[in-house]
Protein backbone atom coordinates (compact mmCIF):
# COMPACT_ATOMS: atom_id res chain seq x y z
CA UNK A 1 -28.65 -51.16 -55.92
CA UNK A 2 -31.11 -48.33 -56.10
CA UNK A 3 -32.06 -48.99 -52.47
CA UNK A 4 -28.40 -48.87 -51.49
CA UNK A 5 -27.94 -45.56 -53.34
CA UNK A 6 -30.99 -44.08 -51.56
CA UNK A 7 -29.64 -45.32 -48.24
CA UNK A 8 -26.21 -43.72 -48.89
CA UNK A 9 -27.84 -40.46 -50.02
CA UNK A 10 -29.84 -40.50 -46.79
CA UNK A 11 -26.69 -41.04 -44.74
CA UNK A 12 -24.96 -38.18 -46.58
CA UNK A 13 -27.93 -35.91 -45.98
CA UNK A 14 -27.90 -36.84 -42.29
CA UNK A 15 -24.17 -36.16 -42.10
CA UNK A 16 -24.62 -32.79 -43.78
CA UNK A 17 -27.43 -31.97 -41.38
CA UNK A 18 -25.22 -32.96 -38.46
CA UNK A 19 -22.36 -30.78 -39.73
CA UNK A 20 -24.72 -27.85 -40.27
CA UNK A 21 -26.26 -28.45 -36.84
CA UNK A 22 -22.86 -28.66 -35.18
CA UNK A 23 -21.77 -25.49 -36.92
CA UNK A 24 -24.93 -23.74 -35.79
CA UNK A 25 -24.45 -25.03 -32.26
CA UNK A 26 -20.81 -23.92 -32.26
CA UNK A 27 -21.85 -20.57 -33.67
CA UNK A 28 -24.47 -20.30 -30.98
CA UNK A 29 -21.87 -20.99 -28.28
CA UNK A 30 -19.56 -18.37 -29.78
CA UNK A 31 -22.45 -15.95 -30.08
CA UNK A 32 -23.43 -16.51 -26.43
CA UNK A 33 -19.83 -16.04 -25.30
CA UNK A 34 -19.48 -12.92 -27.43
CA UNK A 35 -22.79 -11.62 -26.11
CA UNK A 36 -21.67 -12.14 -22.54
CA UNK A 37 -18.37 -10.35 -23.25
CA UNK A 38 -20.19 -7.39 -24.78
CA UNK A 39 -22.69 -7.34 -21.93
CA UNK A 40 -19.85 -7.51 -19.38
CA UNK A 41 -18.06 -4.65 -21.14
CA UNK A 42 -21.07 -2.38 -21.04
CA UNK A 43 -21.88 -3.43 -17.47
CA UNK A 44 -18.36 -2.57 -16.29
CA UNK A 45 -18.47 0.69 -18.22
CA UNK A 46 -21.75 1.61 -16.52
CA UNK A 47 -20.34 0.73 -13.10
CA UNK A 48 -17.23 2.84 -13.68
CA UNK A 49 -19.26 5.81 -14.88
CA UNK A 50 -21.55 5.50 -11.88
CA UNK A 51 -18.62 5.38 -9.44
CA UNK A 52 -17.03 8.42 -11.08
CA UNK A 53 -20.33 10.29 -10.97
CA UNK A 54 -20.73 9.49 -7.27
CA UNK A 55 -17.23 10.77 -6.58
CA UNK A 56 -17.87 13.98 -8.51
CA UNK A 57 -21.15 14.57 -6.70
CA UNK A 58 -19.51 14.10 -3.29
CA UNK A 59 -16.69 16.50 -4.21
CA UNK A 60 -19.14 19.11 -5.49
CA UNK A 61 -21.34 18.77 -2.42
CA UNK A 62 -18.34 19.16 -0.11
CA UNK A 63 -17.10 22.17 -2.06
CA UNK A 64 -20.51 23.82 -1.73
CA UNK A 65 -20.57 23.27 2.04
CA UNK A 66 -17.00 24.56 2.40
CA UNK A 67 -17.85 27.75 0.52
CA UNK A 68 -20.93 28.26 2.64
CA UNK A 69 -18.88 27.89 5.83
CA UNK A 70 -16.19 30.28 4.58
CA UNK A 71 -18.83 32.87 3.77
CA UNK A 72 -20.39 32.50 7.22
CA UNK A 73 -17.02 32.54 9.04
CA UNK A 74 -14.59 34.69 7.01
CA UNK A 75 -12.24 35.17 9.99
CA UNK A 76 -11.26 31.50 10.24
CA UNK A 77 -7.56 31.32 11.21
CA UNK A 78 -6.33 29.10 8.38
CA UNK A 79 -2.72 30.22 8.76
CA UNK A 80 -2.58 29.02 12.36
CA UNK A 81 -4.25 25.67 11.66
CA UNK A 82 -1.84 24.92 8.81
CA UNK A 83 1.19 25.27 11.11
CA UNK A 84 0.00 22.96 13.89
CA UNK A 85 1.16 19.37 14.31
CA UNK A 86 -1.40 16.74 15.21
CA UNK A 87 -0.66 16.88 18.95
CA UNK A 88 -0.67 20.71 18.96
CA UNK A 89 -3.95 20.74 17.06
CA UNK A 90 -5.63 18.36 19.50
CA UNK A 91 -4.36 20.42 22.45
CA UNK A 92 -5.95 23.59 21.07
CA UNK A 93 -9.17 21.76 20.18
CA UNK A 94 -9.51 20.42 23.72
CA UNK A 95 -8.67 23.79 25.25
CA UNK A 96 -11.33 25.41 23.06
CA UNK A 97 -8.97 27.90 21.40
CA UNK A 98 -9.81 26.21 18.08
CA UNK A 99 -13.22 24.90 17.05
CA UNK A 100 -13.67 21.47 15.43
CA UNK A 101 -15.70 23.21 12.70
CA UNK A 102 -12.81 25.47 11.67
CA UNK A 103 -10.33 22.59 11.65
CA UNK A 104 -12.68 20.30 9.73
CA UNK A 105 -13.55 22.84 7.05
CA UNK A 106 -9.91 23.93 6.71
CA UNK A 107 -8.77 20.36 5.95
CA UNK A 108 -11.79 19.67 3.79
CA UNK A 109 -10.93 22.70 1.67
CA UNK A 110 -7.27 21.70 1.54
CA UNK A 111 -8.24 18.17 0.50
CA UNK A 112 -10.38 19.46 -2.35
CA UNK A 113 -7.50 21.65 -3.57
CA UNK A 114 -4.91 18.87 -3.31
CA UNK A 115 -7.20 16.41 -5.08
CA UNK A 116 -7.56 18.78 -8.05
CA UNK A 117 -3.77 18.66 -8.49
CA UNK A 118 -3.04 15.04 -7.62
CA UNK A 119 -6.25 13.00 -8.16
CA UNK A 120 -5.81 11.33 -4.76
CA UNK A 121 -9.41 10.95 -3.50
CA UNK A 122 -12.10 8.42 -4.40
CA UNK A 123 -14.89 10.25 -2.61
CA UNK A 124 -15.77 12.58 0.25
CA UNK A 125 -17.53 10.87 3.16
CA UNK A 126 -20.53 13.19 3.41
CA UNK A 127 -21.54 11.58 6.72
CA UNK A 128 -18.57 13.42 8.19
CA UNK A 129 -20.52 16.70 8.10
CA UNK A 130 -23.18 15.10 10.29
CA UNK A 131 -20.55 13.57 12.58
CA UNK A 132 -19.01 17.02 13.02
CA UNK A 133 -22.33 18.39 14.25
CA UNK A 134 -22.71 15.51 16.68
CA UNK A 135 -19.28 15.79 18.32
CA UNK A 136 -19.47 15.59 22.11
CA UNK A 137 -19.27 18.91 23.91
CA UNK A 138 -17.14 17.10 26.51
CA UNK A 139 -14.21 17.10 24.04
CA UNK A 140 -13.45 13.45 24.73
CA UNK A 141 -11.14 11.09 22.87
CA UNK A 142 -7.43 11.11 22.07
CA UNK A 143 -8.18 12.29 18.52
CA UNK A 144 -10.97 14.73 19.37
CA UNK A 145 -11.97 16.83 16.36
CA UNK A 146 -9.27 15.47 14.02
CA UNK A 147 -10.27 14.89 10.37
CA UNK A 148 -8.76 11.55 9.29
CA UNK A 149 -8.41 10.23 5.73
CA UNK A 150 -8.81 6.51 5.04
CA UNK A 151 -7.67 4.24 2.22
CA UNK A 152 -10.42 3.20 -0.20
CA UNK A 153 -10.36 -0.47 0.84
CA UNK A 154 -11.27 0.48 4.44
CA UNK A 155 -14.94 -0.36 5.01
CA UNK A 156 -17.14 2.65 5.69
CA UNK A 157 -20.87 2.11 5.94
CA UNK A 158 -22.81 2.65 2.68
CA UNK A 159 -19.67 3.17 0.58
CA UNK A 160 -17.81 0.83 -1.79
CA UNK A 161 -14.39 -0.66 -1.08
CA UNK A 162 -13.56 -1.53 -4.66
CA UNK A 163 -9.80 -2.15 -4.34
CA UNK A 164 -9.74 -0.56 -7.80
CA UNK A 165 -11.50 -3.52 -9.47
CA UNK A 166 -14.85 -3.25 -11.23
CA UNK A 167 -16.36 -6.44 -9.77
CA UNK A 168 -16.24 -4.89 -6.29
CA UNK A 169 -18.30 -1.84 -7.26
CA UNK A 170 -21.94 -1.46 -6.21
CA UNK A 171 -21.31 -3.49 -3.04
CA UNK A 172 -21.50 -0.87 -0.27
CA UNK A 173 -20.30 -1.89 3.20
CA UNK A 174 -22.97 -2.80 5.72
CA UNK A 175 -20.96 -1.35 8.61
CA UNK A 176 -17.79 0.56 9.42
CA UNK A 177 -14.53 -1.33 9.81
CA UNK A 178 -13.31 -1.80 13.37
CA UNK A 179 -10.61 0.85 12.85
CA UNK A 180 -13.20 3.39 11.65
CA UNK A 181 -15.42 2.62 14.64
CA UNK A 182 -12.50 3.14 17.02
CA UNK A 183 -11.45 6.36 15.30
CA UNK A 184 -14.96 7.74 15.76
CA UNK A 185 -14.99 6.59 19.41
CA UNK A 186 -11.77 8.55 19.93
CA UNK A 187 -13.36 11.72 18.53
CA UNK A 188 -11.79 11.59 15.06
CA UNK A 189 -13.80 12.35 11.92
CA UNK A 190 -13.11 10.08 8.91
CA UNK A 191 -13.83 12.48 6.07
CA UNK A 192 -12.42 11.18 2.78
CA UNK A 193 -11.46 7.94 1.04
CA UNK A 194 -8.22 7.86 -0.93
CA UNK A 195 -7.00 6.20 -4.11
CA UNK A 196 -5.10 2.94 -4.60
CA UNK A 197 -3.78 0.75 -7.44
CA UNK A 198 -5.97 -1.78 -9.18
CA UNK A 199 -5.93 -5.01 -7.22
CA UNK A 200 -3.64 -3.63 -4.45
CA UNK A 201 -0.76 -5.95 -5.49
CA UNK A 202 1.26 -3.09 -6.97
CA UNK A 203 3.18 -0.11 -5.59
CA UNK A 204 1.92 2.37 -8.18
CA UNK A 205 -1.41 4.18 -7.67
CA UNK A 206 -3.72 3.96 -10.65
CA UNK A 207 -6.90 2.07 -11.51
CA UNK A 208 -9.48 2.19 -14.34
CA UNK A 209 -12.18 3.53 -12.01
CA UNK A 210 -10.55 6.60 -10.44
CA UNK A 211 -7.39 7.10 -12.52
CA UNK A 212 -3.75 7.78 -11.66
CA UNK A 213 -2.60 9.60 -8.51
CA UNK A 214 0.35 11.98 -8.87
CA UNK A 215 3.25 12.72 -6.54
CA UNK A 216 2.94 15.98 -4.55
CA UNK A 217 6.65 16.78 -5.10
CA UNK A 218 6.74 16.10 -8.83
CA UNK A 219 3.67 15.63 -11.00
CA UNK A 220 5.68 13.48 -13.42
CA UNK A 221 6.20 10.83 -10.72
CA UNK A 222 3.93 8.30 -9.03
CA UNK A 223 2.87 8.68 -5.41
CA UNK A 224 3.60 4.99 -4.81
CA UNK A 225 1.19 2.39 -3.51
CA UNK A 226 -0.85 0.77 -2.56
CA UNK A 227 -1.69 3.47 0.04
CA UNK A 228 -0.69 6.05 -2.58
CA UNK A 229 -3.75 8.27 -2.30
CA UNK A 230 -3.17 8.56 1.45
CA UNK A 231 0.51 9.48 1.06
CA UNK A 232 -0.20 11.99 -1.71
CA UNK A 233 -2.98 13.69 0.26
CA UNK A 234 -0.90 13.97 3.45
CA UNK A 235 2.25 14.93 1.54
CA UNK A 236 0.26 17.63 -0.26
CA UNK A 237 -1.09 19.05 3.02
CA UNK A 238 -4.69 17.86 2.69
CA UNK A 239 -4.70 15.62 5.77
CA UNK A 240 -2.78 15.32 9.04
CA UNK A 241 -3.41 11.63 9.64
CA UNK A 242 -4.38 8.73 7.42
CA UNK A 243 -5.08 5.01 7.65
CA UNK A 244 -3.51 2.67 5.10
CA UNK A 245 -2.71 -1.01 4.78
CA UNK A 246 0.53 -2.81 3.99
CA UNK A 247 1.15 -6.27 2.54
CA UNK A 248 4.51 -5.65 0.89
CA UNK A 249 5.37 -2.04 1.57
CA UNK A 250 2.01 -0.48 0.78
CA UNK A 251 2.29 2.05 3.63
CA UNK A 252 6.07 2.45 3.61
CA UNK A 253 6.74 2.84 -0.13
CA UNK A 254 4.24 5.68 -0.74
CA UNK A 255 5.39 7.35 2.49
CA UNK A 256 8.95 7.21 1.12
CA UNK A 257 7.89 8.51 -2.31
CA UNK A 258 5.84 11.39 -0.85
CA UNK A 259 8.20 12.47 1.94
CA UNK A 260 6.09 11.56 4.98
CA UNK A 261 6.22 8.98 7.79
CA UNK A 262 4.49 5.62 7.59
CA UNK A 263 4.28 2.70 10.00
CA UNK A 264 3.50 -0.99 9.49
CA UNK A 265 2.72 -2.50 12.91
CA UNK A 266 3.04 -6.16 13.78
CA UNK A 267 0.19 -7.95 11.97
CA UNK A 268 -2.62 -8.49 14.45
CA UNK A 269 -1.73 -5.54 16.66
CA UNK A 270 -4.38 -3.43 14.91
CA UNK A 271 -7.68 -4.99 13.84
CA UNK A 272 -7.92 -5.68 10.11
CA UNK A 273 -11.62 -6.58 10.34
CA UNK A 274 -13.34 -4.57 7.63
CA UNK A 275 -10.10 -3.93 5.75
CA UNK A 276 -10.91 -5.40 2.34
CA UNK A 277 -8.11 -7.43 0.69
CA UNK A 278 -8.08 -8.24 -3.00
CA UNK A 279 -8.41 -11.90 -2.02
CA UNK A 280 -8.61 -13.64 1.33
CA UNK A 281 -6.90 -16.72 2.76
CA UNK A 282 -3.27 -15.97 1.91
CA UNK A 283 -1.29 -16.43 5.15
CA UNK A 284 2.40 -16.35 4.25
CA UNK A 285 2.81 -12.61 3.62
CA UNK A 286 0.66 -10.80 6.16
CA UNK A 287 -1.57 -7.75 5.67
CA UNK A 288 -1.29 -5.02 8.31
CA UNK A 289 -3.28 -1.85 8.94
CA UNK A 290 -1.07 1.15 9.69
CA UNK A 291 -1.04 4.96 9.95
CA UNK A 292 0.59 7.62 7.77
CA UNK A 293 1.40 11.15 8.94
CA UNK A 294 3.92 13.97 8.60
CA UNK A 295 5.81 13.11 11.80
CA UNK A 296 6.47 10.13 14.06
CA UNK A 297 4.65 11.57 17.10
CA UNK A 298 1.45 11.56 15.04
CA UNK A 299 1.94 7.88 14.19
CA UNK A 300 2.50 7.06 17.86
CA UNK A 301 -0.56 9.06 18.92
CA UNK A 302 -2.68 7.22 16.35
CA UNK A 303 -1.40 3.86 17.63
CA UNK A 304 -2.15 4.88 21.21
CA UNK A 305 -5.67 5.91 20.22
CA UNK A 306 -6.37 2.68 18.34
CA UNK A 307 -4.93 0.35 20.98
CA UNK A 308 -7.79 0.90 23.38
CA UNK A 309 -10.45 -1.15 25.16
CA UNK A 310 -13.00 -0.37 22.45
CA UNK A 311 -10.84 -2.06 19.78
CA UNK A 312 -10.17 -5.04 22.04
CA UNK A 313 -13.93 -5.36 22.60
CA UNK A 314 -14.88 -5.05 18.92
CA UNK A 315 -12.24 -7.53 17.78
CA UNK A 316 -11.28 -10.12 20.41
CA UNK A 317 -8.70 -11.53 18.00
CA UNK A 318 -6.54 -8.46 18.72
CA UNK A 319 -4.34 -9.05 21.80
CA UNK A 320 -5.36 -6.53 24.48
CA UNK A 321 -1.98 -4.80 24.68
CA UNK A 322 -2.32 -1.02 25.20
CA UNK A 323 0.31 1.34 23.79
CA UNK A 324 3.43 1.40 25.98
CA UNK A 325 4.30 5.10 26.25
CA UNK A 326 7.25 4.36 28.51
CA UNK A 327 9.05 2.41 25.78
CA UNK A 328 8.24 5.08 23.19
CA UNK A 329 9.66 7.83 25.43
CA UNK A 330 12.77 5.85 26.41
CA UNK A 331 16.21 7.39 25.81
CA UNK A 332 18.27 4.24 26.43
CA UNK A 333 21.10 3.81 23.88
CA UNK A 334 20.37 1.14 21.29
CA UNK A 335 22.35 -1.52 19.47
CA UNK A 336 21.33 -1.00 15.85
CA UNK A 337 21.93 -3.37 12.98
CA UNK A 338 22.29 -1.78 9.54
CA UNK A 339 22.82 -2.60 5.87
CA UNK A 340 22.86 -0.61 2.63
CA UNK A 341 22.32 -3.44 0.13
CA UNK A 342 20.08 -6.47 0.71
CA UNK A 343 21.94 -8.55 -1.89
CA UNK A 344 18.91 -8.89 -4.16
CA UNK A 345 18.20 -5.33 -5.33
CA UNK A 346 21.06 -2.82 -5.52
CA UNK A 347 19.79 0.38 -3.87
CA UNK A 348 19.68 3.65 -5.75
CA UNK A 349 22.52 6.02 -4.72
CA UNK A 350 20.15 8.14 -2.61
CA UNK A 351 18.79 5.06 -0.79
CA UNK A 352 22.29 3.96 0.23
CA UNK A 353 23.41 7.50 1.11
CA UNK A 354 20.38 7.98 3.36
CA UNK A 355 21.38 4.93 5.43
CA UNK A 356 25.05 6.01 5.61
CA UNK A 357 24.20 9.52 6.78
CA UNK A 358 21.73 8.33 9.43
CA UNK A 359 24.25 5.73 10.64
CA UNK A 360 26.76 8.51 11.34
CA UNK A 361 24.16 10.60 13.21
CA UNK A 362 23.17 7.62 15.35
CA UNK A 363 26.78 6.83 16.23
CA UNK A 364 27.40 10.45 17.17
CA UNK A 365 24.34 10.28 19.45
CA UNK A 366 25.84 7.37 21.40
CA UNK A 367 24.16 4.37 19.77
CA UNK A 368 26.10 1.27 18.69
CA UNK A 369 25.87 0.34 14.99
CA UNK A 370 26.41 -3.28 13.96
CA UNK A 371 26.72 -4.55 10.34
CA UNK A 372 23.89 -6.92 9.47
CA UNK A 373 23.04 -9.05 6.44
CA UNK A 374 19.50 -10.32 5.71
CA UNK A 375 19.40 -14.10 5.91
CA UNK A 376 19.46 -15.83 2.49
CA UNK A 377 17.28 -13.16 0.87
CA UNK A 378 17.61 -14.08 -2.86
CA UNK A 379 16.12 -17.54 -2.24
CA UNK A 380 13.55 -16.24 0.27
CA UNK A 381 12.15 -13.68 -2.20
CA UNK A 382 11.11 -16.45 -4.61
CA UNK A 383 10.45 -19.50 -2.44
CA UNK A 384 8.71 -17.82 0.49
CA UNK A 385 7.52 -14.36 -0.55
CA UNK A 386 6.52 -14.78 -4.21
CA UNK A 387 5.22 -18.34 -3.84
CA UNK A 388 3.44 -17.39 -0.63
CA UNK A 389 1.71 -14.35 -2.09
CA UNK A 390 0.72 -16.21 -5.27
CA UNK A 391 0.39 -19.75 -3.94
CA UNK A 392 -2.52 -20.29 -6.35
CA UNK A 393 -0.47 -19.24 -9.36
CA UNK A 394 -2.17 -15.77 -9.46
CA UNK A 395 -5.60 -17.34 -10.20
CA UNK A 396 -7.47 -15.41 -7.48
CA UNK A 397 -6.08 -12.04 -8.56
CA UNK A 398 -6.88 -12.70 -12.23
CA UNK A 399 -10.41 -13.72 -11.29
CA UNK A 400 -10.90 -10.38 -9.51
CA UNK A 401 -9.74 -8.52 -12.61
CA UNK A 402 -12.26 -10.24 -14.88
CA UNK A 403 -15.07 -8.16 -16.32
CA UNK A 404 -13.17 -4.89 -16.38
CA UNK A 405 -10.28 -3.12 -18.10
CA UNK A 406 -6.71 -3.48 -16.81
CA UNK A 407 -5.03 -0.26 -15.74
CA UNK A 408 -1.77 0.69 -17.53
CA UNK A 409 0.10 0.65 -14.20
CA UNK A 410 -0.72 -3.06 -13.78
CA UNK A 411 -0.64 -4.22 -17.39
CA UNK A 412 2.93 -5.56 -17.42
CA UNK A 413 2.28 -7.69 -14.35
CA UNK A 414 -1.04 -9.04 -15.60
CA UNK A 415 0.44 -9.97 -18.98
CA UNK A 416 2.91 -12.25 -17.20
CA UNK A 417 0.30 -13.59 -14.75
CA UNK A 418 -1.95 -14.68 -17.63
CA UNK A 419 0.69 -16.91 -19.21
CA UNK A 420 -0.37 -20.57 -18.76
CA UNK A 421 1.45 -22.46 -16.04
CA UNK A 422 3.10 -24.88 -18.46
CA UNK A 423 4.44 -21.98 -20.53
CA UNK A 424 5.78 -20.22 -17.42
CA UNK A 425 7.75 -23.38 -16.69
CA UNK A 426 9.10 -23.36 -20.26
CA UNK A 427 10.15 -19.70 -19.94
CA UNK A 428 11.75 -20.49 -16.58
CA UNK A 429 13.83 -23.24 -18.20
CA UNK A 430 14.83 -21.15 -21.24
CA UNK A 431 15.76 -18.08 -19.18
CA UNK A 432 17.82 -19.96 -16.59
CA UNK A 433 21.22 -19.40 -18.30
CA UNK A 434 20.27 -15.99 -19.72
CA UNK A 435 18.53 -14.29 -16.77
CA UNK A 436 18.60 -16.37 -13.55
CA UNK A 437 16.38 -13.97 -11.60
CA UNK A 438 13.71 -13.85 -14.32
CA UNK A 439 13.84 -17.64 -14.54
CA UNK A 440 13.15 -17.97 -10.81
CA UNK A 441 10.34 -15.39 -10.95
CA UNK A 442 8.52 -17.37 -13.67
CA UNK A 443 8.98 -20.48 -11.55
CA UNK A 444 7.64 -18.71 -8.45
CA UNK A 445 4.55 -17.47 -10.29
CA UNK A 446 3.53 -21.07 -10.94
CA UNK A 447 2.48 -21.26 -7.28
CA UNK A 448 3.15 -23.99 -4.73
CA UNK A 449 1.27 -26.92 -6.26
CA UNK A 450 -0.50 -29.27 -3.83
CA UNK A 451 -1.94 -28.70 -0.37
CA UNK A 452 1.02 -30.58 1.07
CA UNK A 453 3.36 -28.21 -0.77
CA UNK A 454 1.48 -25.27 0.75
CA UNK A 455 1.88 -26.72 4.24
CA UNK A 456 5.59 -27.21 3.57
CA UNK A 457 5.80 -23.60 2.41
CA UNK A 458 4.10 -22.38 5.61
CA UNK A 459 6.53 -24.48 7.66
CA UNK A 460 9.45 -22.99 5.75
CA UNK A 461 8.19 -19.48 6.57
CA UNK A 462 8.05 -20.38 10.27
CA UNK A 463 11.61 -21.76 10.10
CA UNK A 464 12.84 -18.61 8.37
CA UNK A 465 11.30 -16.36 11.04
CA UNK A 466 13.09 -18.32 13.77
CA UNK A 467 16.33 -18.30 11.75
CA UNK A 468 16.14 -14.52 11.37
CA UNK A 469 15.36 -13.84 15.02
CA UNK A 470 18.29 -16.10 15.95
CA UNK A 471 20.54 -13.97 13.73
CA UNK A 472 19.28 -10.83 15.51
CA UNK A 473 20.15 -12.44 18.83
CA UNK A 474 23.58 -13.47 17.55
CA UNK A 475 24.25 -9.88 16.46
CA UNK A 476 22.73 -8.70 19.74
CA UNK A 477 20.73 -5.91 18.08
CA UNK A 478 17.61 -4.12 19.31
CA UNK A 479 16.47 -2.66 15.99
CA UNK A 480 17.51 -2.50 12.34
CA UNK A 481 18.27 0.43 10.01
CA UNK A 482 17.97 -0.27 6.28
CA UNK A 483 16.91 1.29 2.96
CA UNK A 484 13.39 1.72 1.67
CA UNK A 485 12.60 1.97 -2.05
CA UNK A 486 13.12 5.43 -3.47
CA UNK A 487 13.07 7.98 -4.83
CA UNK A 488 9.61 8.14 -6.42
CA UNK A 489 9.34 6.22 -9.68
CA UNK A 490 8.50 7.46 -13.13
CA UNK A 491 5.07 6.30 -14.28
CA UNK A 492 4.44 2.68 -15.32
CA UNK A 493 7.69 1.23 -13.98
CA UNK A 494 6.37 -0.21 -10.72
CA UNK A 495 4.87 -3.28 -12.37
CA UNK A 496 8.12 -3.87 -14.27
CA UNK A 497 10.42 -3.68 -11.23
CA UNK A 498 8.57 -5.62 -8.55
CA UNK A 499 11.88 -7.19 -7.49
CA UNK A 500 12.68 -3.98 -5.57
CA UNK A 501 9.99 -4.68 -2.96
CA UNK A 502 12.53 -7.05 -1.41
CA UNK A 503 13.40 -4.12 0.89
CA UNK A 504 9.90 -3.92 2.34
CA UNK A 505 8.05 -7.19 1.75
CA UNK A 506 10.63 -9.10 3.79
CA UNK A 507 9.15 -7.61 6.97
CA UNK A 508 5.63 -8.64 6.03
CA UNK A 509 6.90 -12.19 5.67
CA UNK A 510 8.72 -11.96 9.02
CA UNK A 511 5.85 -10.01 10.61
CA UNK A 512 8.31 -7.47 12.03
CA UNK A 513 7.02 -3.92 12.66
CA UNK A 514 8.64 -1.44 10.28
CA UNK A 515 8.34 2.24 9.50
CA UNK A 516 9.89 4.90 7.28
CA UNK A 517 11.16 8.39 8.06
CA UNK A 518 12.17 11.01 5.46
CA UNK A 519 15.80 12.04 5.99
CA UNK A 520 17.06 13.81 2.88
CA UNK A 521 16.40 14.68 -0.76
CA UNK A 522 17.97 13.42 -3.97
CA UNK A 523 21.02 15.46 -4.96
CA UNK A 524 22.68 16.18 -8.28
CA UNK A 525 25.55 13.92 -7.13
CA UNK A 526 23.04 11.09 -6.59
CA UNK A 527 21.78 11.52 -10.14
CA UNK A 528 25.33 11.54 -11.48
CA UNK A 529 26.20 8.38 -9.54
CA UNK A 530 23.03 6.73 -10.87
CA UNK A 531 24.58 6.83 -14.35
CA UNK A 532 26.97 4.07 -13.21
CA UNK A 533 24.23 1.93 -11.66
CA UNK A 534 24.47 -1.72 -12.76
CA UNK A 535 22.41 -3.68 -10.23
CA UNK A 536 23.09 -6.98 -8.48
CA UNK A 537 22.15 -9.23 -11.41
CA UNK A 538 22.83 -6.73 -14.24
CA UNK A 539 19.67 -7.94 -15.95
CA UNK A 540 16.64 -6.27 -17.53
CA UNK A 541 15.01 -5.68 -14.12
CA UNK A 542 18.08 -3.77 -12.92
CA UNK A 543 18.09 -1.63 -16.07
CA UNK A 544 14.39 -0.87 -15.59
CA UNK A 545 14.94 0.10 -11.93
CA UNK A 546 17.60 2.59 -13.04
CA UNK A 547 15.15 4.13 -15.52
CA UNK A 548 12.38 4.15 -12.91
CA UNK A 549 14.27 6.36 -10.44
CA UNK A 550 16.02 8.59 -12.98
CA UNK A 551 15.15 12.28 -12.80
CA UNK A 552 14.61 12.31 -9.05
CA UNK A 553 16.66 15.34 -8.01
CA UNK A 554 14.90 17.16 -5.16
CA UNK A 555 12.59 14.24 -4.33
CA UNK A 556 12.38 12.87 -0.76
CA UNK A 557 14.75 10.19 0.50
CA UNK A 558 13.74 7.99 3.46
CA UNK A 559 15.18 5.21 5.59
CA UNK A 560 13.44 2.20 7.10
CA UNK A 561 13.41 1.28 10.80
CA UNK A 562 12.57 -2.28 11.92
CA UNK A 563 12.03 -4.10 15.24
CA UNK A 564 11.11 -7.60 16.38
CA UNK A 565 7.42 -8.70 16.48
CA UNK A 566 5.23 -6.98 19.08
CA UNK A 567 7.91 -4.36 19.74
CA UNK A 568 5.98 -1.71 17.83
CA UNK A 569 6.65 1.00 20.42
CA UNK A 570 10.40 0.34 20.21
CA UNK A 571 10.24 0.64 16.42
CA UNK A 572 8.44 3.97 16.73
CA UNK A 573 10.92 5.13 19.37
CA UNK A 574 13.77 4.33 16.93
CA UNK A 575 11.95 6.20 14.16
CA UNK A 576 11.54 9.20 16.46
CA UNK A 577 15.27 9.10 17.28
CA UNK A 578 16.14 9.17 13.56
CA UNK A 579 13.67 12.00 12.93
CA UNK A 580 15.05 14.16 15.75
CA UNK A 581 18.70 13.61 14.80
CA UNK A 582 18.03 14.50 11.17
CA UNK A 583 16.15 17.66 12.17
CA UNK A 584 18.96 18.69 14.51
CA UNK A 585 21.59 18.09 11.83
CA UNK A 586 19.69 20.29 9.37
CA UNK A 587 19.60 23.14 11.92
CA UNK A 588 23.36 22.86 12.45
C-alpha cells in the first residue's frame, strides 16, 4: 500500500509540475505576444515621428529657399502669375515673358501658405529645386516650366508612398513612376506630394501619419478623398495641376468637394506603373490615374502631354493612342443621357438641382437630352462592386493596417471589417427585415468565397458592362450627365455613408471615363429642402448622409460627365461644353 501511495503522490507531483509548466508556457506565449505588441507600438510611433519630422524639414527647407528667392528678386510679378490659366502660363513661359524660376517660387510659396491652413501636403520634393535649375533652355515640352503636385501614393524616387499606413513607411521608391517620368520629359516640375486617407479605400482625407486635410471653402468640412490633398491644394490656389488616382471616385469626389475639375480616364489609358495601391490583384473595380485642375482645358492639356511616345515606350501595356484634339475641339451636337437619382442613394437637393440646371443649359445650346436609368444598380452595388473590391473579405486591407493606429476617419469602416465572417452572416440574417441595405452590405463584406466564385464574379462584371453598353445603344446616347456626391461632408461621416459612392464607383466597375465640373454653389433653399430628405431606403445610412451634407450653404456643387470606354476625349469635350455654358449663364 505504501508503494501505491508513493506512486500516486509521484503522479500528483508530476501533474502539478505539468500544470505549472503549462501555465508558465502559456504565460510565456502571452508575454511574447504582449512584447511584440508593445514593440510594434513603439516601432510604429517611431516611424510616424520620423515621417512627420521629414515633412517638417522639407517644408522648412522650401520656405527658406522661397524667402531667399524673394529677397533676391523682389519685383517678381506674383499678381500676374496668379491670374493665368495653365495654357496662358505655358504660353508666357515659352515666349520668355515669364521665367520658370518666378513661376516655380510663386507656386511653392502659395503651396506653403495653403498647407498651413489646410494640412494638404505630405512633403516638398526638394529635388524639384535642382530640376528647376536643369530645365532646358530650349523651352521644350507641352508642360514646360509648370510646377505639378502629385498624390502621395505616386512613386517618386527616394520618397515613401505610404498610402497613409505605417507599414509602408521607410520604403522609399527606387525610381519615379511612369507618370512622373513623362511629366519631367514634358518639362513639368513635380514639386510636392499631397495627403490622402489611410488605406485609400475612403473618401475622407485623414491618416495617423500626416493628419486630417481641410476643405479650402470651409475649414469645418473634409476635402474629400482619396485624392483629397490634391483637390485641397488646387482649390486653395497652391497648384495649377495635380495627379491623383481613382478607384471609386477618388479624383471626382474631392474635385466636387473642393470646387475644381477632375477626370478619371479609361483604366489603362494612362500608365499606373508606380502608382501604389493599398493592395494589388483586385481586378473588378479598376484603379485609374487622372488629373485635377481648375478648368477642363488644363485636364485636356495634361492628358495630351501624358499620351505621348515616351509613355508608350516606358509602359508598353498602355495602348499607343495619342490625344485626339479634333474630338476634343468638336462642336457637333450631342445626344446626352441624364438622371438625377440612381435609385440607390437619393441625391442631396444641390446634387439634383445641379443636374437639372445643366440639363436646361444643354437643351438651350441645341443638344438632345434623353432620360436614362442605370441598369439594376442596387444589386450591382453589392454583388459586383462591394464583393469585387473586397473579394477577400477585407483581409488584405486589414493586414495593411496592422502595426499602426487607425485614423478616426476610417474607424467606423474598420470596426465593421474586423467582424468575423460568421458573425457578418449572422448580422446579415438578423438585419434583413429591419434594414435590407445593411443586411446586403454585411453579406457583401464576406467576400466571394472560392476561386470559382471569383471567376463567376468576374464573368458577371463582363456581362454587366455589355448590358450597360447595350442600354446606351438602345437610348442612342453619346454621353451621360449625372450627379456626383456633394456638397463636402462634415468630418467623420465618409466612413459611415459609403453607400453614396454608388454615383462614382459605378464607372470604375464599367471602366467608363468620367469627370466632374463645378456648376453652382449650395443655396439656402437647398439647405431648407434638405430638412425633408428621407433617402431611398429611409434607413440609418440615409439619415447619416443627411447629417453629412448639412451646413453646406455656399459650398461648391458639381455634375458628373461620362462617356464610353476609350472615348476620353469625348468625355472631356462634354465637360468643356458644360463648363462654358455655366460660365456664360453666370455672365448673363
